[in-house]
Amino acid sequence: MKLGDKIGEGAYRDCFAVADNPDLCAKVQREMVTRRIPILEISLTLKTRLFLLFRYGETDLNRRENRIINKFPTVLRQYMPEVIDLRVDPSDPEKTQLVATRPRDFDGQYSASMLEYGPVDNEAFWEHVDKIAEAMVEYDLISTDVFFRGQNLLVQRVAKDHYRPVLVDVKHIGRAVPHVRKPQLIFKNEFLKAFYSKLEDFKAKFKGPETRKFQ
């Protein structure tokens, strides 16, 4: 599958539009990555798979995320892109692409990430956010990364007066190897406290009068 323009990037993966179908996108894991190691106060550039092995106990984020998504109950799955497919390079089984549809707004524009969109003043949107949070806790599929800086969630305007969030990165769901600076997150009560704290910070940052203008 031929990839087109890069439309997003994270710490370990880049996201590209699919060249012959821009309504699809594919996440591709980088070969190398540079990460800062706080405890050593240095930055290291190593193979991505080595970093991931330390952070998650596995080496392929696409496989990890696809496995997490497949565990989602309907109440959470409805907030994901419509089609998700894990594709493996037949010539190199270690290379994968996680393919998904790109959500569009009611006016045909591709939905923007919350980080790009900015503050959201829409009651329905925040009701959906609360529903996602409640379901994550109920089904023990908690993430401290979804409600964070806004880059892992899209704002889909399904109508002029109705917005909804779309989850586009859920690799952090579950208590993986805890961060070296926060080893207490291995305990569920501490993990929950961190989750609710991030959720409140997220609302404080993004809930308010909108600054984005549409024609």
C-alpha atoms as a PDB file:
ATOM      1  CA  MET A   1       0.000   0.000   0.000  1.00  0.00           C
ATOM      2  CA  LYS A   2       1.502   3.308  -1.105  1.00  0.00           C
ATOM      3  CA  LEU A   3       1.538   6.082   1.458  1.00  0.00           C
ATOM      4  CA  GLY A   4       0.842   9.744   0.745  1.00  0.00           C
ATOM      5  CA  ASP A   5       1.327  12.867   2.835  1.00  0.00           C
ATOM      6  CA  LYS A   6       2.191  12.697   6.496  1.00  0.00           C
ATOM      7  CA  ILE A   7      -0.825  13.928   8.479  1.00  0.00           C
ATOM      8  CA  GLY A   8       0.365  13.329  12.025  1.00  0.00           C
ATOM      9  CA  GLU A   9       3.225  12.164  14.167  1.00  0.00           C
ATOM     10  CA  GLY A  10       3.750  10.832  17.649  1.00  0.00           C
ATOM     11  CA  ALA A  11       6.642   9.745  19.792  1.00  0.00           C
ATOM     12  CA  TYR A  12       7.138   6.409  18.010  1.00  0.00           C
ATOM     13  CA  ARG A  13       4.919   6.411  14.922  1.00  0.00           C
ATOM     14  CA  ASP A  14       3.956   8.596  11.993  1.00  0.00           C
ATOM     15  CA  CYS A  15       0.527   8.706  10.375  1.00  0.00           C
ATOM     16  CA  PHE A  16       0.119   9.015   6.604  1.00  0.00           C
ATOM     17  CA  ALA A  17      -2.809   9.439   4.254  1.00  0.00           C
ATOM     18  CA  VAL A  18      -3.096   6.475   1.880  1.00  0.00           C
ATOM     19  CA  ALA A  19      -1.993   7.651  -1.568  1.00  0.00           C
ATOM     20  CA  ASP A  20      -4.820   6.160  -3.628  1.00  0.00           C
ATOM     21  CA  ASN A  21      -7.494   6.690  -0.971  1.00  0.00           C
ATOM     22  CA  PRO A  22      -6.977   9.799   1.203  1.00  0.00           C
ATOM     23  CA  ASP A  23     -10.044   8.838   3.267  1.00  0.00           C
ATOM     24  CA  LEU A  24      -7.817   6.174   4.814  1.00  0.00           C
ATOM     25  CA  CYS A  25      -4.732   6.689   6.934  1.00  0.00           C
ATOM     26  CA  ALA A  26      -1.970   4.362   8.103  1.00  0.00           C
ATOM     27  CA  LYS A  27       0.184   4.447  11.209  1.00  0.00           C
ATOM     28  CA  VAL A  28       3.764   3.372  10.615  1.00  0.00           C
ATOM     29  CA  GLN A  29       6.282   2.725  13.363  1.00  0.00           C
ATOM     30  CA  ARG A  30       9.625   4.476  12.967  1.00  0.00           C
ATOM     31  CA  GLU A  31      12.838   2.485  12.668  1.00  0.00           C
ATOM     32  CA  MET A  32      14.758   4.759  15.040  1.00  0.00           C
ATOM     33  CA  VAL A  33      13.637   7.130  17.780  1.00  0.00           C
ATOM     34  CA  THR A  34      15.270   9.661  20.083  1.00  0.00           C
ATOM     35  CA  ARG A  35      13.936   9.819  23.625  1.00  0.00           C
ATOM     36  CA  ARG A  36      15.085  11.658  26.701  1.00  0.00           C
ATOM     37  CA  ILE A  37      15.974   9.472  29.686  1.00  0.00           C
ATOM     38  CA  PRO A  38      15.145  11.701  32.712  1.00  0.00           C
ATOM     39  CA  ILE A  39      16.830   9.537  35.310  1.00  0.00           C
ATOM     40  CA  LEU A  40      20.112   9.774  33.365  1.00  0.00           C
ATOM     41  CA  GLU A  41      19.475  13.324  32.086  1.00  0.00           C
ATOM     42  CA  ILE A  42      20.514  12.335  28.570  1.00  0.00           C
ATOM     43  CA  SER A  43      18.865  11.731  25.195  1.00  0.00           C
ATOM     44  CA  LEU A  44      19.347   8.426  23.406  1.00  0.00           C
ATOM     45  CA  THR A  45      18.746   7.459  19.796  1.00  0.00           C
ATOM     46  CA  LEU A  46      18.072   3.747  19.472  1.00  0.00           C
ATOM     47  CA  LYS A  47      15.950   1.332  17.497  1.00  0.00           C
ATOM     48  CA  THR A  48      12.303   2.027  18.286  1.00  0.00           C
ATOM     49  CA  ARG A  49      11.708  -1.612  19.086  1.00  0.00           C
ATOM     50  CA  LEU A  50      14.232  -1.471  21.957  1.00  0.00           C
ATOM     51  CA  PHE A  51      12.533   1.553  23.538  1.00  0.00           C
ATOM     52  CA  LEU A  52       9.150  -0.115  23.209  1.00  0.00           C
ATOM     53  CA  LEU A  53      10.381  -3.331  24.765  1.00  0.00           C
ATOM     54  CA  PHE A  54      11.398  -1.362  27.856  1.00  0.00           C
ATOM     55  CA  ARG A  55       8.269   0.826  27.954  1.00  0.00           C
ATOM     56  CA  TYR A  56       5.564  -1.677  27.012  1.00  0.00           C
ATOM     57  CA  GLY A  57       7.144  -5.099  27.230  1.00  0.00           C
ATOM     58  CA  GLU A  58       6.561  -5.553  23.473  1.00  0.00           C
ATOM     59  CA  THR A  59       8.046  -4.182  20.282  1.00  0.00           C
ATOM     60  CA  ASP A  60       5.208  -3.282  17.874  1.00  0.00           C
ATOM     61  CA  LEU A  61       2.763  -0.526  18.822  1.00  0.00           C
ATOM     62  CA  ASN A  62       0.487  -1.266  15.878  1.00  0.00           C
ATOM     63  CA  ARG A  63      -0.041  -4.832  17.023  1.00  0.00           C
ATOM     64  CA  ARG A  64      -0.491  -3.659  20.606  1.00  0.00           C
ATOM     65  CA  GLU A  65      -3.060  -1.016  19.711  1.00  0.00           C
ATOM     66  CA  ASN A  66      -4.970  -3.350  17.396  1.00  0.00           C
ATOM     67  CA  ARG A  67      -5.196  -5.933  20.189  1.00  0.00           C
ATOM     68  CA  ILE A  68      -6.502  -3.294  22.623  1.00  0.00           C
ATOM     69  CA  ILE A  69      -9.130  -2.093  20.129  1.00  0.00           C
ATOM     70  CA  ASN A  70     -10.360  -5.641  19.594  1.00  0.00           C
ATOM     71  CA  LYS A  71     -11.109  -5.827  23.329  1.00  0.00           C
ATOM     72  CA  PHE A  72     -13.253  -2.681  23.267  1.00  0.00           C
ATOM     73  CA  PRO A  73     -16.928  -3.030  24.193  1.00  0.00           C
ATOM     74  CA  THR A  74     -19.448  -1.368  21.903  1.00  0.00           C
ATOM     75  CA  VAL A  75     -19.726   1.680  24.147  1.00  0.00           C
ATOM     76  CA  LEU A  76     -16.058   2.504  23.427  1.00  0.00           C
ATOM     77  CA  ARG A  77     -15.787   1.058  19.931  1.00  0.00           C
ATOM     78  CA  GLN A  78     -18.345   3.596  18.695  1.00  0.00           C
ATOM     79  CA  TYR A  79     -15.825   6.343  19.412  1.00  0.00           C
ATOM     80  CA  MET A  80     -13.149   4.823  17.191  1.00  0.00           C
ATOM     81  CA  PRO A  81     -12.735   5.267  13.416  1.00  0.00           C
ATOM     82  CA  GLU A  82     -15.118   3.050  11.468  1.00  0.00           C
ATOM     83  CA  VAL A  83     -12.601   0.659   9.876  1.00  0.00           C
ATOM     84  CA  ILE A  84      -9.361  -0.569  11.376  1.00  0.00           C
ATOM     85  CA  ASP A  85      -7.104  -3.132   9.763  1.00  0.00           C
ATOM     86  CA  LEU A  86      -3.663  -4.371  10.758  1.00  0.00           C
ATOM     87  CA  ARG A  87      -1.594  -5.005   7.658  1.00  0.00           C
ATOM     88  CA  VAL A  88       1.672  -6.939   7.762  1.00  0.00           C
ATOM     89  CA  ASP A  89       4.400  -6.460   5.163  1.00  0.00           C
ATOM     90  CA  PRO A  90       4.674  -9.886   3.460  1.00  0.00           C
ATOM     91  CA  SER A  91       8.391  -9.329   2.859  1.00  0.00           C
ATOM     92  CA  ASP A  92       9.072  -8.325   6.481  1.00  0.00           C
ATOM     93  CA  PRO A  93       6.609  -9.527   9.161  1.00  0.00           C
ATOM     94  CA  GLU A  94       8.097  -7.062  11.653  1.00  0.00           C
ATOM     95  CA  LYS A  95       6.785  -4.132   9.595  1.00  0.00           C
ATOM     96  CA  THR A  96       3.110  -3.330  10.091  1.00  0.00           C
ATOM     97  CA  GLN A  97       0.620  -0.615   9.206  1.00  0.00           C
ATOM     98  CA  LEU A  98      -2.486   0.138  11.254  1.00  0.00           C
ATOM     99  CA  VAL A  99      -5.054   1.403   8.762  1.00  0.00           C
ATOM    100  CA  ALA A 100      -8.185   3.353   9.657  1.00  0.00           C
ATOM    101  CA  THR A 101     -10.757   5.665   8.118  1.00  0.00           C
ATOM    102  CA  ARG A 102     -10.286   9.416   8.556  1.00  0.00           C
ATOM    103  CA  PRO A 103     -13.394  10.901  10.208  1.00  0.00           C
ATOM    104  CA  ARG A 104     -15.058  13.828   8.441  1.00  0.00           C
ATOM    105  CA  ASP A 105     -17.228  16.634   9.765  1.00  0.00           C
ATOM    106  CA  PHE A 106     -20.753  17.285   8.521  1.00  0.00           C
ATOM    107  CA  ASP A 107     -19.378  19.851   6.037  1.00  0.00           C
ATOM    108  CA  GLY A 108     -16.925  17.384   4.495  1.00  0.00           C
ATOM    109  CA  GLN A 109     -13.756  18.588   6.184  1.00  0.00           C
ATOM    110  CA  TYR A 110     -11.508  16.075   7.877  1.00  0.00           C
ATOM    111  CA  SER A 111     -12.010  16.258  11.640  1.00  0.00           C
ATOM    112  CA  ALA A 112      -9.236  18.082  13.477  1.00  0.00           C
ATOM    113  CA  SER A 113      -7.353  16.882  16.517  1.00  0.00           C
ATOM    114  CA  MET A 114      -8.284  18.593  19.740  1.00  0.00           C
ATOM    115  CA  LEU A 115      -4.811  20.057  19.858  1.00  0.00           C
ATOM    116  CA  GLU A 116      -5.458  21.741  16.490  1.00  0.00           C
ATOM    117  CA  TYR A 117      -9.094  22.587  17.194  1.00  0.00           C
ATOM    118  CA  GLY A 118      -8.640  24.250  20.564  1.00  0.00           C
ATOM    119  CA  PRO A 119     -11.391  24.890  23.140  1.00  0.00           C
ATOM    120  CA  VAL A 120     -14.760  23.189  22.541  1.00  0.00           C
ATOM    121  CA  ASP A 121     -18.016  24.775  23.678  1.00  0.00           C
ATOM    122  CA  ASN A 122     -20.483  22.003  22.900  1.00  0.00           C
ATOM    123  CA  GLU A 123     -22.529  20.239  25.561  1.00  0.00           C
ATOM    124  CA  ALA A 124     -22.934  17.004  23.589  1.00  0.00           C
ATOM    125  CA  PHE A 125     -19.174  16.691  23.108  1.00  0.00           C
ATOM    126  CA  TRP A 126     -18.457  16.826  26.837  1.00  0.00           C
ATOM    127  CA  GLU A 127     -21.268  14.379  27.577  1.00  0.00           C
ATOM    128  CA  HIS A 128     -19.536  11.973  25.206  1.00  0.00           C
ATOM    129  CA  VAL A 129     -16.205  12.561  26.982  1.00  0.00           C
ATOM    130  CA  ASP A 130     -17.795  11.652  30.332  1.00  0.00           C
ATOM    131  CA  LYS A 131     -19.346   8.543  28.761  1.00  0.00           C
ATOM    132  CA  ILE A 132     -15.945   7.427  27.470  1.00  0.00           C
ATOM    133  CA  ALA A 133     -14.329   7.998  30.863  1.00  0.00           C
ATOM    134  CA  GLU A 134     -17.063   6.048  32.674  1.00  0.00           C
ATOM    135  CA  ALA A 135     -16.754   3.127  30.248  1.00  0.00           C
ATOM    136  CA  MET A 136     -12.966   3.041  30.561  1.00  0.00           C
ATOM    137  CA  VAL A 137     -13.274   2.695  34.324  1.00  0.00           C
ATOM    138  CA  GLU A 138     -16.159   0.198  34.157  1.00  0.00           C
ATOM    139  CA  TYR A 139     -14.325  -2.125  31.756  1.00  0.00           C
ATOM    140  CA  ASP A 140     -10.868  -1.534  33.235  1.00  0.00           C
ATOM    141  CA  LEU A 141      -9.595  -0.052  29.963  1.00  0.00           C
ATOM    142  CA  ILE A 142      -8.109   3.063  31.485  1.00  0.00           C
ATOM    143  CA  SER A 143      -5.712   5.365  29.696  1.00  0.00           C
ATOM    144  CA  THR A 144      -3.862   8.354  31.135  1.00  0.00           C
ATOM    145  CA  ASP A 145      -2.938   9.444  27.606  1.00  0.00           C
ATOM    146  CA  VAL A 146      -6.270   9.886  25.785  1.00  0.00           C
ATOM    147  CA  PHE A 147      -7.325  12.889  27.868  1.00  0.00           C
ATOM    148  CA  PHE A 148      -4.013  14.682  27.940  1.00  0.00           C
ATOM    149  CA  ARG A 149      -2.638  17.209  25.453  1.00  0.00           C
ATOM    150  CA  GLY A 150      -5.368  16.692  22.872  1.00  0.00           C
ATOM    151  CA  GLN A 151      -3.332  15.004  20.161  1.00  0.00           C
ATOM    152  CA  ASN A 152      -4.938  11.569  20.599  1.00  0.00           C
ATOM    153  CA  LEU A 153      -8.534  12.671  20.152  1.00  0.00           C
ATOM    154  CA  LEU A 154     -10.396  14.261  17.227  1.00  0.00           C
ATOM    155  CA  VAL A 155     -13.273  16.719  17.380  1.00  0.00           C
ATOM    156  CA  GLN A 156     -15.867  15.458  14.899  1.00  0.00           C
ATOM    157  CA  ARG A 157     -18.607  17.960  14.121  1.00  0.00           C
ATOM    158  CA  VAL A 158     -21.462  15.618  13.190  1.00  0.00           C
ATOM    159  CA  ALA A 159     -23.882  18.577  13.046  1.00  0.00           C
ATOM    160  CA  LYS A 160     -23.686  22.298  13.718  1.00  0.00           C
ATOM    161  CA  ASP A 161     -24.868  21.786  17.274  1.00  0.00           C
ATOM    162  CA  HIS A 162     -23.526  18.285  17.962  1.00  0.00           C
ATOM    163  CA  TYR A 163     -19.866  17.354  18.258  1.00  0.00           C
ATOM    164  CA  ARG A 164     -18.336  14.087  19.393  1.00  0.00           C
ATOM    165  CA  PRO A 165     -14.832  12.885  20.270  1.00  0.00           C
ATOM    166  CA  VAL A 166     -13.078  10.243  18.182  1.00  0.00           C
ATOM    167  CA  LEU A 167     -10.278   8.235  19.794  1.00  0.00           C
ATOM    168  CA  VAL A 168      -7.330   7.836  17.423  1.00  0.00           C
ATOM    169  CA  ASP A 169      -4.570   6.561  19.718  1.00  0.00           C
ATOM    170  CA  VAL A 170      -5.264   4.104  22.526  1.00  0.00           C
ATOM    171  CA  LYS A 171      -1.898   2.370  22.855  1.00  0.00           C
ATOM    172  CA  HIS A 172      -1.530   3.545  26.484  1.00  0.00           C
ATOM    173  CA  ILE A 173      -4.657   1.757  27.679  1.00  0.00           C
ATOM    174  CA  GLY A 174      -3.777  -0.619  30.477  1.00  0.00           C
ATOM    175  CA  ARG A 175      -1.056  -0.445  33.094  1.00  0.00           C
ATOM    176  CA  ALA A 176       2.094  -1.073  31.077  1.00  0.00           C
ATOM    177  CA  VAL A 177       5.569  -0.855  32.538  1.00  0.00           C
ATOM    178  CA  PRO A 178       5.271   2.285  34.709  1.00  0.00           C
ATOM    179  CA  HIS A 179       7.316   5.371  33.986  1.00  0.00           C
ATOM    180  CA  VAL A 180      10.542   5.399  35.979  1.00  0.00           C
ATOM    181  CA  ARG A 181       9.468   8.639  37.664  1.00  0.00           C
ATOM    182  CA  LYS A 182       6.011   7.272  38.554  1.00  0.00           C
ATOM    183  CA  PRO A 183       6.438   3.652  39.675  1.00  0.00           C
ATOM    184  CA  GLN A 184       3.315   3.970  41.858  1.00  0.00           C
ATOM    185  CA  LEU A 185       1.145   3.770  38.716  1.00  0.00           C
ATOM    186  CA  ILE A 186       1.488   0.015  38.824  1.00  0.00           C
ATOM    187  CA  PHE A 187      -1.183   0.135  41.556  1.00  0.00           C
ATOM    188  CA  LYS A 188      -4.758   0.471  40.295  1.00  0.00           C
ATOM    189  CA  ASN A 189      -5.850   3.110  42.842  1.00  0.00           C
ATOM    190  CA  GLU A 190      -2.900   5.332  41.897  1.00  0.00           C
ATOM    191  CA  PHE A 191      -3.590   4.721  38.210  1.00  0.00           C
ATOM    192  CA  LEU A 192      -7.216   5.799  38.710  1.00  0.00           C
ATOM    193  CA  LYS A 193      -6.158   8.932  40.570  1.00  0.00           C
ATOM    194  CA  ALA A 194      -3.828   9.839  37.706  1.00  0.00           C
ATOM    195  CA  PHE A 195      -6.614   9.161  35.182  1.00  0.00           C
ATOM    196  CA  TYR A 196      -9.157  11.430  36.893  1.00  0.00           C
ATOM    197  CA  SER A 197      -6.529  14.120  37.455  1.00  0.00           C
ATOM    198  CA  LYS A 198      -5.656  14.111  33.727  1.00  0.00           C
ATOM    199  CA  LEU A 199      -9.361  14.209  32.848  1.00  0.00           C
ATOM    200  CA  GLU A 200      -9.978  17.292  35.009  1.00  0.00           C
ATOM    201  CA  ASP A 201      -6.888  19.028  33.615  1.00  0.00           C
ATOM    202  CA  PHE A 202      -8.095  18.180  30.113  1.00  0.00           C
ATOM    203  CA  LYS A 203     -11.492  19.752  30.753  1.00  0.00           C
ATOM    204  CA  ALA A 204      -9.929  22.833  32.325  1.00  0.00           C
ATOM    205  CA  LYS A 205      -7.759  23.313  29.233  1.00  0.00           C
ATOM    206  CA  PHE A 206     -10.249  22.561  26.453  1.00  0.00           C
ATOM    207  CA  LYS A 207     -13.738  23.248  27.802  1.00  0.00           C
ATOM    208  CA  GLY A 208     -14.654  26.819  26.989  1.00  0.00           C
ATOM    209  CA  PRO A 209     -15.468  29.413  24.311  1.00  0.00           C
ATOM    210  CA  GLU A 210     -14.327  28.313  20.863  1.00  0.00           C
ATOM    211  CA  THR A 211     -11.617  30.204  19.026  1.00  0.00           C
ATOM    212  CA  ARG A 212     -11.692  28.184  15.805  1.00  0.00           C
ATOM    213  CA  LYS A 213     -13.688  29.812  12.996  1.00  0.00           C
ATOM    214  CA  PHE A 214     -15.477  28.047  10.132  1.00  0.00           C
ATOM    215  CA  GLN A 215     -16.770  29.511   6.906  1.00  0.00           C
END
